[in-house]
Amino acid sequence: MLLVLVLLLAGGCVAIIAGISREVSKTVNVEYAITGTARDVTVAYSVWNDDGLSSRSETVKTLPWRKTLKTKGFTKGGSLLISLSGSGGTATCSVAVDNGSPKTATASGPSAAATCGGF
């Protein structure tokens, strides 16, 4: 009986380790997008590399803006932050992972900001 229990536990551990190994080596696409009427939008977004999670930023003169990242060992918890200039307008950010349901948020007005996170 004890031997059966030990074998079941070992088999369960092997299955968990195999599942984690697949997730770590799996390639995923993270698609960032921003649409709207705002100009000079500051964009900060998460990137994943061998060292873990980091961020990049850029200023987008006109919308729409789109960036797709391919990454292995995807770690959840990234974000896409948009910040509008003093001239205002409206901008909607969107993040989708492997064509899944996008996370969205909208900023409207001078110096407004929005964050798409939780992916």
PDB file of N, CA and C in Angstrom:
ATOM      1  N   MET A   1       0.830  -1.192   0.000  1.00  0.00           N
ATOM      2  CA  MET A   1       0.000   0.000   0.000  1.00  0.00           C
ATOM      3  C   MET A   1       0.876   1.258   0.000  1.00  0.00           C
ATOM      4  N   LEU A   2       1.906   1.269   0.836  1.00  0.00           N
ATOM      5  CA  LEU A   2       2.807   2.408   0.915  1.00  0.00           C
ATOM      6  C   LEU A   2       3.542   2.608  -0.407  1.00  0.00           C
ATOM      7  N   LEU A   3       3.927   1.507  -1.042  1.00  0.00           N
ATOM      8  CA  LEU A   3       4.621   1.590  -2.327  1.00  0.00           C
ATOM      9  C   LEU A   3       3.711   2.219  -3.384  1.00  0.00           C
ATOM     10  N   VAL A   4       2.438   1.874  -3.399  1.00  0.00           N
ATOM     11  CA  VAL A   4       1.479   2.437  -4.351  1.00  0.00           C
ATOM     12  C   VAL A   4       1.351   3.941  -4.112  1.00  0.00           C
ATOM     13  N   LEU A   5       1.252   4.346  -2.864  1.00  0.00           N
ATOM     14  CA  LEU A   5       1.143   5.764  -2.531  1.00  0.00           C
ATOM     15  C   LEU A   5       2.381   6.534  -2.976  1.00  0.00           C
ATOM     16  N   VAL A   6       3.551   5.996  -2.750  1.00  0.00           N
ATOM     17  CA  VAL A   6       4.800   6.625  -3.166  1.00  0.00           C
ATOM     18  C   VAL A   6       4.850   6.748  -4.686  1.00  0.00           C
ATOM     19  N   LEU A   7       4.453   5.702  -5.396  1.00  0.00           N
ATOM     20  CA  LEU A   7       4.444   5.743  -6.860  1.00  0.00           C
ATOM     21  C   LEU A   7       3.460   6.789  -7.387  1.00  0.00           C
ATOM     22  N   LEU A   8       2.293   6.914  -6.767  1.00  0.00           N
ATOM     23  CA  LEU A   8       1.308   7.917  -7.177  1.00  0.00           C
ATOM     24  C   LEU A   8       1.841   9.332  -6.952  1.00  0.00           C
ATOM     25  N   LEU A   9       2.459   9.558  -5.810  1.00  0.00           N
ATOM     26  CA  LEU A   9       3.043  10.873  -5.536  1.00  0.00           C
ATOM     27  C   LEU A   9       4.157  11.196  -6.513  1.00  0.00           C
ATOM     28  N   ALA A  10       5.015  10.256  -6.794  1.00  0.00           N
ATOM     29  CA  ALA A  10       6.110  10.469  -7.739  1.00  0.00           C
ATOM     30  C   ALA A  10       5.566  10.775  -9.133  1.00  0.00           C
ATOM     31  N   GLY A  11       4.547  10.031  -9.545  1.00  0.00           N
ATOM     32  CA  GLY A  11       3.929  10.275 -10.851  1.00  0.00           C
ATOM     33  C   GLY A  11       3.316  11.664 -10.930  1.00  0.00           C
ATOM     34  N   GLY A  12       2.677  12.100  -9.850  1.00  0.00           N
ATOM     35  CA  GLY A  12       2.101  13.446  -9.812  1.00  0.00           C
ATOM     36  C   GLY A  12       3.159  14.521  -9.911  1.00  0.00           C
ATOM     37  N   CYS A  13       4.280  14.334  -9.214  1.00  0.00           N
ATOM     38  CA  CYS A  13       5.381  15.295  -9.273  1.00  0.00           C
ATOM     39  C   CYS A  13       5.969  15.366 -10.673  1.00  0.00           C
ATOM     40  N   VAL A  14       6.126  14.234 -11.322  1.00  0.00           N
ATOM     41  CA  VAL A  14       6.660  14.202 -12.687  1.00  0.00           C
ATOM     42  C   VAL A  14       5.717  14.962 -13.627  1.00  0.00           C
ATOM     43  N   ALA A  15       4.419  14.780 -13.481  1.00  0.00           N
ATOM     44  CA  ALA A  15       3.442  15.472 -14.329  1.00  0.00           C
ATOM     45  C   ALA A  15       3.506  16.983 -14.110  1.00  0.00           C
ATOM     46  N   ILE A  16       3.647  17.421 -12.875  1.00  0.00           N
ATOM     47  CA  ILE A  16       3.744  18.851 -12.579  1.00  0.00           C
ATOM     48  C   ILE A  16       5.015  19.437 -13.180  1.00  0.00           C
ATOM     49  N   ILE A  17       6.127  18.762 -13.015  1.00  0.00           N
ATOM     50  CA  ILE A  17       7.404  19.235 -13.564  1.00  0.00           C
ATOM     51  C   ILE A  17       7.344  19.293 -15.087  1.00  0.00           C
ATOM     52  N   ALA A  18       6.742  18.294 -15.716  1.00  0.00           N
ATOM     53  CA  ALA A  18       6.608  18.291 -17.183  1.00  0.00           C
ATOM     54  C   ALA A  18       5.746  19.461 -17.645  1.00  0.00           C
ATOM     55  N   GLY A  19       4.675  19.742 -16.918  1.00  0.00           N
ATOM     56  CA  GLY A  19       3.803  20.869 -17.269  1.00  0.00           C
ATOM     57  C   GLY A  19       4.526  22.198 -17.155  1.00  0.00           C
ATOM     58  N   ILE A  20       5.295  22.381 -16.100  1.00  0.00           N
ATOM     59  CA  ILE A  20       6.074  23.605 -15.920  1.00  0.00           C
ATOM     60  C   ILE A  20       7.121  23.730 -17.017  1.00  0.00           C
ATOM     61  N   SER A  21       7.768  22.642 -17.344  1.00  0.00           N
ATOM     62  CA  SER A  21       8.787  22.649 -18.390  1.00  0.00           C
ATOM     63  C   SER A  21       8.196  23.075 -19.735  1.00  0.00           C
ATOM     64  N   ARG A  22       7.006  22.586 -20.063  1.00  0.00           N
ATOM     65  CA  ARG A  22       6.333  22.980 -21.311  1.00  0.00           C
ATOM     66  C   ARG A  22       6.033  24.464 -21.307  1.00  0.00           C
ATOM     67  N   GLU A  23       5.540  25.000 -20.185  1.00  0.00           N
ATOM     68  CA  GLU A  23       5.204  26.422 -20.101  1.00  0.00           C
ATOM     69  C   GLU A  23       6.440  27.301 -20.244  1.00  0.00           C
ATOM     70  N   VAL A  24       7.547  26.893 -19.643  1.00  0.00           N
ATOM     71  CA  VAL A  24       8.775  27.681 -19.689  1.00  0.00           C
ATOM     72  C   VAL A  24       9.332  27.748 -21.101  1.00  0.00           C
ATOM     73  N   SER A  25       9.221  26.677 -21.868  1.00  0.00           N
ATOM     74  CA  SER A  25       9.790  26.658 -23.211  1.00  0.00           C
ATOM     75  C   SER A  25       8.791  27.058 -24.298  1.00  0.00           C
ATOM     76  N   LYS A  26       7.542  27.265 -23.941  1.00  0.00           N
ATOM     77  CA  LYS A  26       6.505  27.621 -24.909  1.00  0.00           C
ATOM     78  C   LYS A  26       6.685  29.067 -25.394  1.00  0.00           C
ATOM     79  N   THR A  27       6.571  29.275 -26.698  1.00  0.00           N
ATOM     80  CA  THR A  27       6.621  30.616 -27.265  1.00  0.00           C
ATOM     81  C   THR A  27       5.212  31.193 -27.306  1.00  0.00           C
ATOM     82  N   VAL A  28       5.079  32.435 -26.824  1.00  0.00           N
ATOM     83  CA  VAL A  28       3.786  33.118 -26.867  1.00  0.00           C
ATOM     84  C   VAL A  28       3.958  34.463 -27.557  1.00  0.00           C
ATOM     85  N   ASN A  29       2.864  34.960 -28.118  1.00  0.00           N
ATOM     86  CA  ASN A  29       2.833  36.284 -28.732  1.00  0.00           C
ATOM     87  C   ASN A  29       2.085  37.228 -27.804  1.00  0.00           C
ATOM     88  N   VAL A  30       2.694  38.358 -27.505  1.00  0.00           N
ATOM     89  CA  VAL A  30       2.042  39.413 -26.735  1.00  0.00           C
ATOM     90  C   VAL A  30       1.845  40.566 -27.699  1.00  0.00           C
ATOM     91  N   GLU A  31       0.578  40.924 -27.956  1.00  0.00           N
ATOM     92  CA  GLU A  31       0.293  41.994 -28.902  1.00  0.00           C
ATOM     93  C   GLU A  31      -0.214  43.229 -28.176  1.00  0.00           C
ATOM     94  N   TYR A  32       0.551  44.312 -28.314  1.00  0.00           N
ATOM     95  CA  TYR A  32       0.181  45.607 -27.745  1.00  0.00           C
ATOM     96  C   TYR A  32      -0.409  46.459 -28.863  1.00  0.00           C
ATOM     97  N   ALA A  33      -1.462  47.224 -28.556  1.00  0.00           N
ATOM     98  CA  ALA A  33      -2.046  48.124 -29.549  1.00  0.00           C
ATOM     99  C   ALA A  33      -2.612  49.354 -28.852  1.00  0.00           C
ATOM    100  N   ILE A  34      -2.543  50.481 -29.546  1.00  0.00           N
ATOM    101  CA  ILE A  34      -3.148  51.726 -29.060  1.00  0.00           C
ATOM    102  C   ILE A  34      -3.854  52.370 -30.239  1.00  0.00           C
ATOM    103  N   THR A  35      -5.095  52.757 -30.025  1.00  0.00           N
ATOM    104  CA  THR A  35      -5.878  53.453 -31.044  1.00  0.00           C
ATOM    105  C   THR A  35      -6.437  54.734 -30.431  1.00  0.00           C
ATOM    106  N   GLY A  36      -6.862  55.650 -31.273  1.00  0.00           N
ATOM    107  CA  GLY A  36      -7.510  56.866 -30.790  1.00  0.00           C
ATOM    108  C   GLY A  36      -7.077  58.098 -31.547  1.00  0.00           C
ATOM    109  N   THR A  37      -7.413  59.250 -30.964  1.00  0.00           N
ATOM    110  CA  THR A  37      -7.167  60.538 -31.613  1.00  0.00           C
ATOM    111  C   THR A  37      -6.008  61.307 -30.999  1.00  0.00           C
ATOM    112  N   ALA A  38      -5.483  60.862 -29.887  1.00  0.00           N
ATOM    113  CA  ALA A  38      -4.415  61.583 -29.190  1.00  0.00           C
ATOM    114  C   ALA A  38      -3.133  61.604 -30.015  1.00  0.00           C
ATOM    115  N   ARG A  39      -2.317  62.621 -29.777  1.00  0.00           N
ATOM    116  CA  ARG A  39      -1.009  62.746 -30.412  1.00  0.00           C
ATOM    117  C   ARG A  39       0.055  62.833 -29.321  1.00  0.00           C
ATOM    118  N   ASP A  40       1.259  62.463 -29.680  1.00  0.00           N
ATOM    119  CA  ASP A  40       2.376  62.498 -28.730  1.00  0.00           C
ATOM    120  C   ASP A  40       2.061  61.710 -27.459  1.00  0.00           C
ATOM    121  N   VAL A  41       1.710  60.452 -27.647  1.00  0.00           N
ATOM    122  CA  VAL A  41       1.370  59.556 -26.545  1.00  0.00           C
ATOM    123  C   VAL A  41       2.646  58.866 -26.055  1.00  0.00           C
ATOM    124  N   THR A  42       2.892  58.937 -24.749  1.00  0.00           N
ATOM    125  CA  THR A  42       4.023  58.218 -24.164  1.00  0.00           C
ATOM    126  C   THR A  42       3.561  56.810 -23.843  1.00  0.00           C
ATOM    127  N   VAL A  43       4.330  55.827 -24.310  1.00  0.00           N
ATOM    128  CA  VAL A  43       3.985  54.415 -24.168  1.00  0.00           C
ATOM    129  C   VAL A  43       5.091  53.716 -23.385  1.00  0.00           C
ATOM    130  N   ALA A  44       4.721  52.974 -22.351  1.00  0.00           N
ATOM    131  CA  ALA A  44       5.672  52.129 -21.623  1.00  0.00           C
ATOM    132  C   ALA A  44       5.093  50.720 -21.607  1.00  0.00           C
ATOM    133  N   TYR A  45       5.908  49.720 -21.969  1.00  0.00           N
ATOM    134  CA  TYR A  45       5.394  48.360 -22.064  1.00  0.00           C
ATOM    135  C   TYR A  45       6.418  47.354 -21.558  1.00  0.00           C
ATOM    136  N   SER A  46       5.915  46.226 -21.103  1.00  0.00           N
ATOM    137  CA  SER A  46       6.755  45.156 -20.573  1.00  0.00           C
ATOM    138  C   SER A  46       7.377  44.345 -21.690  1.00  0.00           C
ATOM    139  N   VAL A  47       8.614  43.914 -21.457  1.00  0.00           N
ATOM    140  CA  VAL A  47       9.308  42.972 -22.334  1.00  0.00           C
ATOM    141  C   VAL A  47       9.890  41.870 -21.460  1.00  0.00           C
ATOM    142  N   TRP A  48       9.978  40.692 -22.024  1.00  0.00           N
ATOM    143  CA  TRP A  48      10.501  39.537 -21.301  1.00  0.00           C
ATOM    144  C   TRP A  48      11.771  39.074 -21.989  1.00  0.00           C
ATOM    145  N   ASN A  49      12.800  38.788 -21.196  1.00  0.00           N
ATOM    146  CA  ASN A  49      14.050  38.282 -21.740  1.00  0.00           C
ATOM    147  C   ASN A  49      14.654  37.302 -20.738  1.00  0.00           C
ATOM    148  N   ASP A  50      15.860  36.859 -21.022  1.00  0.00           N
ATOM    149  CA  ASP A  50      16.504  35.872 -20.150  1.00  0.00           C
ATOM    150  C   ASP A  50      16.684  36.378 -18.723  1.00  0.00           C
ATOM    151  N   ASP A  51      16.772  37.690 -18.562  1.00  0.00           N
ATOM    152  CA  ASP A  51      16.967  38.271 -17.232  1.00  0.00           C
ATOM    153  C   ASP A  51      15.655  38.501 -16.495  1.00  0.00           C
ATOM    154  N   GLY A  52      14.522  38.218 -17.132  1.00  0.00           N
ATOM    155  CA  GLY A  52      13.219  38.424 -16.502  1.00  0.00           C
ATOM    156  C   GLY A  52      12.436  39.533 -17.177  1.00  0.00           C
ATOM    157  N   LEU A  53      11.687  40.253 -16.390  1.00  0.00           N
ATOM    158  CA  LEU A  53      10.784  41.289 -16.877  1.00  0.00           C
ATOM    159  C   LEU A  53      11.466  42.649 -16.816  1.00  0.00           C
ATOM    160  N   SER A  54      11.370  43.412 -17.904  1.00  0.00           N
ATOM    161  CA  SER A  54      11.857  44.786 -17.923  1.00  0.00           C
ATOM    162  C   SER A  54      10.852  45.619 -18.716  1.00  0.00           C
ATOM    163  N   SER A  55      11.138  46.894 -18.897  1.00  0.00           N
ATOM    164  CA  SER A  55      10.193  47.726 -19.648  1.00  0.00           C
ATOM    165  C   SER A  55      10.938  48.596 -20.652  1.00  0.00           C
ATOM    166  N   ARG A  56      10.196  49.014 -21.650  1.00  0.00           N
ATOM    167  CA  ARG A  56      10.687  49.936 -22.672  1.00  0.00           C
ATOM    168  C   ARG A  56       9.667  51.061 -22.784  1.00  0.00           C
ATOM    169  N   SER A  57      10.123  52.196 -23.261  1.00  0.00           N
ATOM    170  CA  SER A  57       9.182  53.299 -23.474  1.00  0.00           C
ATOM    171  C   SER A  57       9.538  54.034 -24.757  1.00  0.00           C
ATOM    172  N   GLU A  58       8.543  54.692 -25.299  1.00  0.00           N
ATOM    173  CA  GLU A  58       8.716  55.484 -26.504  1.00  0.00           C
ATOM    174  C   GLU A  58       7.579  56.485 -26.591  1.00  0.00           C
ATOM    175  N   THR A  59       7.768  57.504 -27.415  1.00  0.00           N
ATOM    176  CA  THR A  59       6.717  58.481 -27.665  1.00  0.00           C
ATOM    177  C   THR A  59       6.187  58.249 -29.072  1.00  0.00           C
ATOM    178  N   VAL A  60       4.880  58.122 -29.172  1.00  0.00           N
ATOM    179  CA  VAL A  60       4.217  57.858 -30.446  1.00  0.00           C
ATOM    180  C   VAL A  60       3.572  59.154 -30.916  1.00  0.00           C
ATOM    181  N   LYS A  61       3.992  59.642 -32.065  1.00  0.00           N
ATOM    182  CA  LYS A  61       3.479  60.918 -32.589  1.00  0.00           C
ATOM    183  C   LYS A  61       2.014  60.821 -32.999  1.00  0.00           C
ATOM    184  N   THR A  62       1.665  59.757 -33.745  1.00  0.00           N
ATOM    185  CA  THR A  62       0.281  59.584 -34.195  1.00  0.00           C
ATOM    186  C   THR A  62      -0.142  58.136 -34.006  1.00  0.00           C
ATOM    187  N   LEU A  63      -1.415  57.953 -33.768  1.00  0.00           N
ATOM    188  CA  LEU A  63      -2.000  56.616 -33.594  1.00  0.00           C
ATOM    189  C   LEU A  63      -2.638  56.177 -34.893  1.00  0.00           C
ATOM    190  N   PRO A  64      -2.775  54.888 -35.155  1.00  0.00           N
ATOM    191  CA  PRO A  64      -2.612  53.755 -34.245  1.00  0.00           C
ATOM    192  C   PRO A  64      -1.152  53.335 -34.102  1.00  0.00           C
ATOM    193  N   TRP A  65      -0.884  52.581 -33.035  1.00  0.00           N
ATOM    194  CA  TRP A  65       0.425  52.019 -32.736  1.00  0.00           C
ATOM    195  C   TRP A  65       0.219  50.554 -32.394  1.00  0.00           C
ATOM    196  N   ARG A  66       1.116  49.710 -32.849  1.00  0.00           N
ATOM    197  CA  ARG A  66       1.005  48.263 -32.584  1.00  0.00           C
ATOM    198  C   ARG A  66       2.405  47.679 -32.477  1.00  0.00           C
ATOM    199  N   LYS A  67       2.564  46.747 -31.551  1.00  0.00           N
ATOM    200  CA  LYS A  67       3.833  46.036 -31.395  1.00  0.00           C
ATOM    201  C   LYS A  67       3.513  44.622 -30.940  1.00  0.00           C
ATOM    202  N   THR A  68       4.131  43.645 -31.598  1.00  0.00           N
ATOM    203  CA  THR A  68       3.964  42.244 -31.210  1.00  0.00           C
ATOM    204  C   THR A  68       5.309  41.705 -30.757  1.00  0.00           C
ATOM    205  N   LEU A  69       5.328  41.120 -29.571  1.00  0.00           N
ATOM    206  CA  LEU A  69       6.537  40.511 -29.026  1.00  0.00           C
ATOM    207  C   LEU A  69       6.360  39.012 -28.969  1.00  0.00           C
ATOM    208  N   LYS A  70       7.370  38.290 -29.396  1.00  0.00           N
ATOM    209  CA  LYS A  70       7.398  36.832 -29.218  1.00  0.00           C
ATOM    210  C   LYS A  70       8.327  36.585 -28.054  1.00  0.00           C
ATOM    211  N   THR A  71       7.892  35.755 -27.147  1.00  0.00           N
ATOM    212  CA  THR A  71       8.728  35.481 -25.989  1.00  0.00           C
ATOM    213  C   THR A  71       8.591  34.034 -25.562  1.00  0.00           C
ATOM    214  N   LYS A  72       9.637  33.507 -24.986  1.00  0.00           N
ATOM    215  CA  LYS A  72       9.615  32.160 -24.411  1.00  0.00           C
ATOM    216  C   LYS A  72       9.607  32.303 -22.910  1.00  0.00           C
ATOM    217  N   GLY A  73       9.002  31.348 -22.264  1.00  0.00           N
ATOM    218  CA  GLY A  73       8.977  31.393 -20.815  1.00  0.00           C
ATOM    219  C   GLY A  73       8.195  32.571 -20.294  1.00  0.00           C
ATOM    220  N   PHE A  74       7.120  32.909 -20.975  1.00  0.00           N
ATOM    221  CA  PHE A  74       6.287  34.060 -20.638  1.00  0.00           C
ATOM    222  C   PHE A  74       5.935  34.079 -19.158  1.00  0.00           C
ATOM    223  N   THR A  75       6.231  35.204 -18.532  1.00  0.00           N
ATOM    224  CA  THR A  75       5.861  35.413 -17.140  1.00  0.00           C
ATOM    225  C   THR A  75       4.697  36.375 -17.107  1.00  0.00           C
ATOM    226  N   LYS A  76       3.613  35.981 -16.505  1.00  0.00           N
ATOM    227  CA  LYS A  76       2.450  36.864 -16.439  1.00  0.00           C
ATOM    228  C   LYS A  76       2.752  38.038 -15.520  1.00  0.00           C
ATOM    229  N   GLY A  77       2.048  39.128 -15.742  1.00  0.00           N
ATOM    230  CA  GLY A  77       2.210  40.279 -14.888  1.00  0.00           C
ATOM    231  C   GLY A  77       2.768  41.488 -15.598  1.00  0.00           C
ATOM    232  N   GLY A  78       2.737  41.505 -16.915  1.00  0.00           N
ATOM    233  CA  GLY A  78       3.215  42.658 -17.659  1.00  0.00           C
ATOM    234  C   GLY A  78       2.185  43.775 -17.668  1.00  0.00           C
ATOM    235  N   SER A  79       2.575  44.899 -18.291  1.00  0.00           N
ATOM    236  CA  SER A  79       1.640  46.020 -18.399  1.00  0.00           C
ATOM    237  C   SER A  79       1.962  46.867 -19.618  1.00  0.00           C
ATOM    238  N   LEU A  80       0.966  47.614 -20.034  1.00  0.00           N
ATOM    239  CA  LEU A  80       1.078  48.606 -21.091  1.00  0.00           C
ATOM    240  C   LEU A  80       0.481  49.886 -20.523  1.00  0.00           C
ATOM    241  N   LEU A  81       1.296  50.925 -20.405  1.00  0.00           N
ATOM    242  CA  LEU A  81       0.864  52.192 -19.828  1.00  0.00           C
ATOM    243  C   LEU A  81       0.887  53.248 -20.916  1.00  0.00           C
ATOM    244  N   ILE A  82      -0.199  54.015 -21.025  1.00  0.00           N
ATOM    245  CA  ILE A  82      -0.232  55.127 -21.967  1.00  0.00           C
ATOM    246  C   ILE A  82      -0.460  56.412 -21.186  1.00  0.00           C
ATOM    247  N   SER A  83       0.217  57.470 -21.630  1.00  0.00           N
ATOM    248  CA  SER A  83       0.090  58.777 -20.993  1.00  0.00           C
ATOM    249  C   SER A  83      -0.063  59.811 -22.101  1.00  0.00           C
ATOM    250  N   LEU A  84      -1.162  60.568 -22.049  1.00  0.00           N
ATOM    251  CA  LEU A  84      -1.436  61.546 -23.091  1.00  0.00           C
ATOM    252  C   LEU A  84      -0.703  62.855 -22.800  1.00  0.00           C
ATOM    253  N   SER A  85      -0.409  63.585 -23.853  1.00  0.00           N
ATOM    254  CA  SER A  85       0.246  64.882 -23.706  1.00  0.00           C
ATOM    255  C   SER A  85      -0.767  65.912 -23.213  1.00  0.00           C
ATOM    256  N   GLY A  86      -0.310  67.113 -23.000  1.00  0.00           N
ATOM    257  CA  GLY A  86      -1.188  68.192 -22.549  1.00  0.00           C
ATOM    258  C   GLY A  86      -2.236  68.586 -23.573  1.00  0.00           C
ATOM    259  N   SER A  87      -2.055  68.168 -24.832  1.00  0.00           N
ATOM    260  CA  SER A  87      -3.046  68.499 -25.855  1.00  0.00           C
ATOM    261  C   SER A  87      -4.273  67.597 -25.814  1.00  0.00           C
ATOM    262  N   GLY A  88      -4.227  66.532 -25.022  1.00  0.00           N
ATOM    263  CA  GLY A  88      -5.404  65.689 -24.800  1.00  0.00           C
ATOM    264  C   GLY A  88      -5.704  64.721 -25.916  1.00  0.00           C
ATOM    265  N   GLY A  89      -7.002  64.535 -26.154  1.00  0.00           N
ATOM    266  CA  GLY A  89      -7.459  63.529 -27.091  1.00  0.00           C
ATOM    267  C   GLY A  89      -7.910  62.295 -26.340  1.00  0.00           C
ATOM    268  N   THR A  90      -8.053  61.206 -27.060  1.00  0.00           N
ATOM    269  CA  THR A  90      -8.466  59.941 -26.465  1.00  0.00           C
ATOM    270  C   THR A  90      -7.578  58.837 -27.021  1.00  0.00           C
ATOM    271  N   ALA A  91      -7.227  57.895 -26.148  1.00  0.00           N
ATOM    272  CA  ALA A  91      -6.432  56.739 -26.592  1.00  0.00           C
ATOM    273  C   ALA A  91      -6.885  55.518 -25.813  1.00  0.00           C
ATOM    274  N   THR A  92      -6.995  54.397 -26.503  1.00  0.00           N
ATOM    275  CA  THR A  92      -7.364  53.131 -25.877  1.00  0.00           C
ATOM    276  C   THR A  92      -6.221  52.145 -26.075  1.00  0.00           C
ATOM    277  N   CYS A  93      -5.759  51.575 -24.955  1.00  0.00           N
ATOM    278  CA  CYS A  93      -4.718  50.557 -25.042  1.00  0.00           C
ATOM    279  C   CYS A  93      -5.368  49.180 -25.017  1.00  0.00           C
ATOM    280  N   SER A  94      -4.675  48.222 -25.611  1.00  0.00           N
ATOM    281  CA  SER A  94      -5.170  46.852 -25.686  1.00  0.00           C
ATOM    282  C   SER A  94      -3.980  45.899 -25.656  1.00  0.00           C
ATOM    283  N   VAL A  95      -4.100  44.816 -24.865  1.00  0.00           N
ATOM    284  CA  VAL A  95      -3.065  43.789 -24.810  1.00  0.00           C
ATOM    285  C   VAL A  95      -3.740  42.428 -24.950  1.00  0.00           C
ATOM    286  N   ALA A  96      -3.247  41.625 -25.883  1.00  0.00           N
ATOM    287  CA  ALA A  96      -3.755  40.263 -26.064  1.00  0.00           C
ATOM    288  C   ALA A  96      -2.581  39.297 -26.076  1.00  0.00           C
ATOM    289  N   VAL A  97      -2.741  38.174 -25.409  1.00  0.00           N
ATOM    290  CA  VAL A  97      -1.711  37.135 -25.366  1.00  0.00           C
ATOM    291  C   VAL A  97      -2.217  35.936 -26.156  1.00  0.00           C
ATOM    292  N   ASP A  98      -1.450  35.546 -27.187  1.00  0.00           N
ATOM    293  CA  ASP A  98      -1.820  34.424 -28.064  1.00  0.00           C
ATOM    294  C   ASP A  98      -3.255  34.522 -28.568  1.00  0.00           C
ATOM    295  N   ASN A  99      -3.623  35.685 -29.054  1.00  0.00           N
ATOM    296  CA  ASN A  99      -4.947  35.943 -29.623  1.00  0.00           C
ATOM    297  C   ASN A  99      -6.077  35.725 -28.629  1.00  0.00           C
ATOM    298  N   GLY A 100      -5.786  35.793 -27.352  1.00  0.00           N
ATOM    299  CA  GLY A 100      -6.817  35.659 -26.321  1.00  0.00           C
ATOM    300  C   GLY A 100      -7.617  36.940 -26.194  1.00  0.00           C
ATOM    301  N   SER A 101      -8.519  36.968 -25.251  1.00  0.00           N
ATOM    302  CA  SER A 101      -9.330  38.159 -25.006  1.00  0.00           C
ATOM    303  C   SER A 101      -8.427  39.308 -24.569  1.00  0.00           C
ATOM    304  N   PRO A 102      -8.561  40.459 -25.224  1.00  0.00           N
ATOM    305  CA  PRO A 102      -7.679  41.578 -24.877  1.00  0.00           C
ATOM    306  C   PRO A 102      -8.091  42.250 -23.571  1.00  0.00           C
ATOM    307  N   LYS A 103      -7.094  42.781 -22.881  1.00  0.00           N
ATOM    308  CA  LYS A 103      -7.309  43.660 -21.730  1.00  0.00           C
ATOM    309  C   LYS A 103      -7.241  45.070 -22.289  1.00  0.00           C
ATOM    310  N   THR A 104      -8.225  45.916 -21.969  1.00  0.00           N
ATOM    311  CA  THR A 104      -8.256  47.257 -22.529  1.00  0.00           C
ATOM    312  C   THR A 104      -8.490  48.308 -21.440  1.00  0.00           C
ATOM    313  N   ALA A 105      -8.090  49.538 -21.758  1.00  0.00           N
ATOM    314  CA  ALA A 105      -8.344  50.698 -20.902  1.00  0.00           C
ATOM    315  C   ALA A 105      -8.270  51.937 -21.788  1.00  0.00           C
ATOM    316  N   THR A 106      -8.955  53.016 -21.368  1.00  0.00           N
ATOM    317  CA  THR A 106      -9.005  54.229 -22.167  1.00  0.00           C
ATOM    318  C   THR A 106      -8.597  55.442 -21.334  1.00  0.00           C
ATOM    319  N   ALA A 107      -7.789  56.318 -21.953  1.00  0.00           N
ATOM    320  CA  ALA A 107      -7.408  57.602 -21.368  1.00  0.00           C
ATOM    321  C   ALA A 107      -8.039  58.689 -22.227  1.00  0.00           C
ATOM    322  N   SER A 108      -8.583  59.718 -21.575  1.00  0.00           N
ATOM    323  CA  SER A 108      -9.231  60.784 -22.323  1.00  0.00           C
ATOM    324  C   SER A 108      -8.974  62.121 -21.636  1.00  0.00           C
ATOM    325  N   GLY A 109      -8.488  63.097 -22.409  1.00  0.00           N
ATOM    326  CA  GLY A 109      -8.249  64.427 -21.878  1.00  0.00           C
ATOM    327  C   GLY A 109      -6.777  64.736 -21.702  1.00  0.00           C
ATOM    328  N   PRO A 110      -6.476  66.029 -21.468  1.00  0.00           N
ATOM    329  CA  PRO A 110      -5.084  66.436 -21.291  1.00  0.00           C
ATOM    330  C   PRO A 110      -4.397  65.713 -20.140  1.00  0.00           C
ATOM    331  N   SER A 111      -3.203  65.206 -20.412  1.00  0.00           N
ATOM    332  CA  SER A 111      -2.349  64.540 -19.413  1.00  0.00           C
ATOM    333  C   SER A 111      -2.998  63.317 -18.750  1.00  0.00           C
ATOM    334  N   ALA A 112      -3.998  62.725 -19.377  1.00  0.00           N
ATOM    335  CA  ALA A 112      -4.653  61.531 -18.839  1.00  0.00           C
ATOM    336  C   ALA A 112      -3.772  60.313 -19.065  1.00  0.00           C
ATOM    337  N   ALA A 113      -4.002  59.267 -18.257  1.00  0.00           N
ATOM    338  CA  ALA A 113      -3.219  58.029 -18.374  1.00  0.00           C
ATOM    339  C   ALA A 113      -4.141  56.819 -18.206  1.00  0.00           C
ATOM    340  N   ALA A 114      -3.707  55.701 -18.739  1.00  0.00           N
ATOM    341  CA  ALA A 114      -4.447  54.436 -18.588  1.00  0.00           C
ATOM    342  C   ALA A 114      -3.441  53.289 -18.606  1.00  0.00           C
ATOM    343  N   THR A 115      -3.794  52.200 -17.948  1.00  0.00           N
ATOM    344  CA  THR A 115      -2.929  51.016 -17.890  1.00  0.00           C
ATOM    345  C   THR A 115      -3.708  49.783 -18.270  1.00  0.00           C
ATOM    346  N   CYS A 116      -3.157  49.001 -19.184  1.00  0.00           N
ATOM    347  CA  CYS A 116      -3.678  47.686 -19.511  1.00  0.00           C
ATOM    348  C   CYS A 116      -2.775  46.683 -18.805  1.00  0.00           C
ATOM    349  N   GLY A 117      -3.279  45.982 -17.831  1.00  0.00           N
ATOM    350  CA  GLY A 117      -2.475  45.041 -17.072  1.00  0.00           C
ATOM    351  C   GLY A 117      -3.270  43.784 -16.788  1.00  0.00           C
ATOM    352  N   GLY A 118      -2.722  42.947 -15.961  1.00  0.00           N
ATOM    353  CA  GLY A 118      -3.420  41.731 -15.566  1.00  0.00           C
ATOM    354  C   GLY A 118      -3.405  40.634 -16.607  1.00  0.00           C
ATOM    355  N   PHE A 119      -2.374  40.627 -17.430  1.00  0.00           N
ATOM    356  CA  PHE A 119      -2.297  39.561 -18.448  1.00  0.00           C
ATOM    357  C   PHE A 119      -1.113  38.695 -18.177  1.00  0.00           C
TER     358      PHE A 119
END
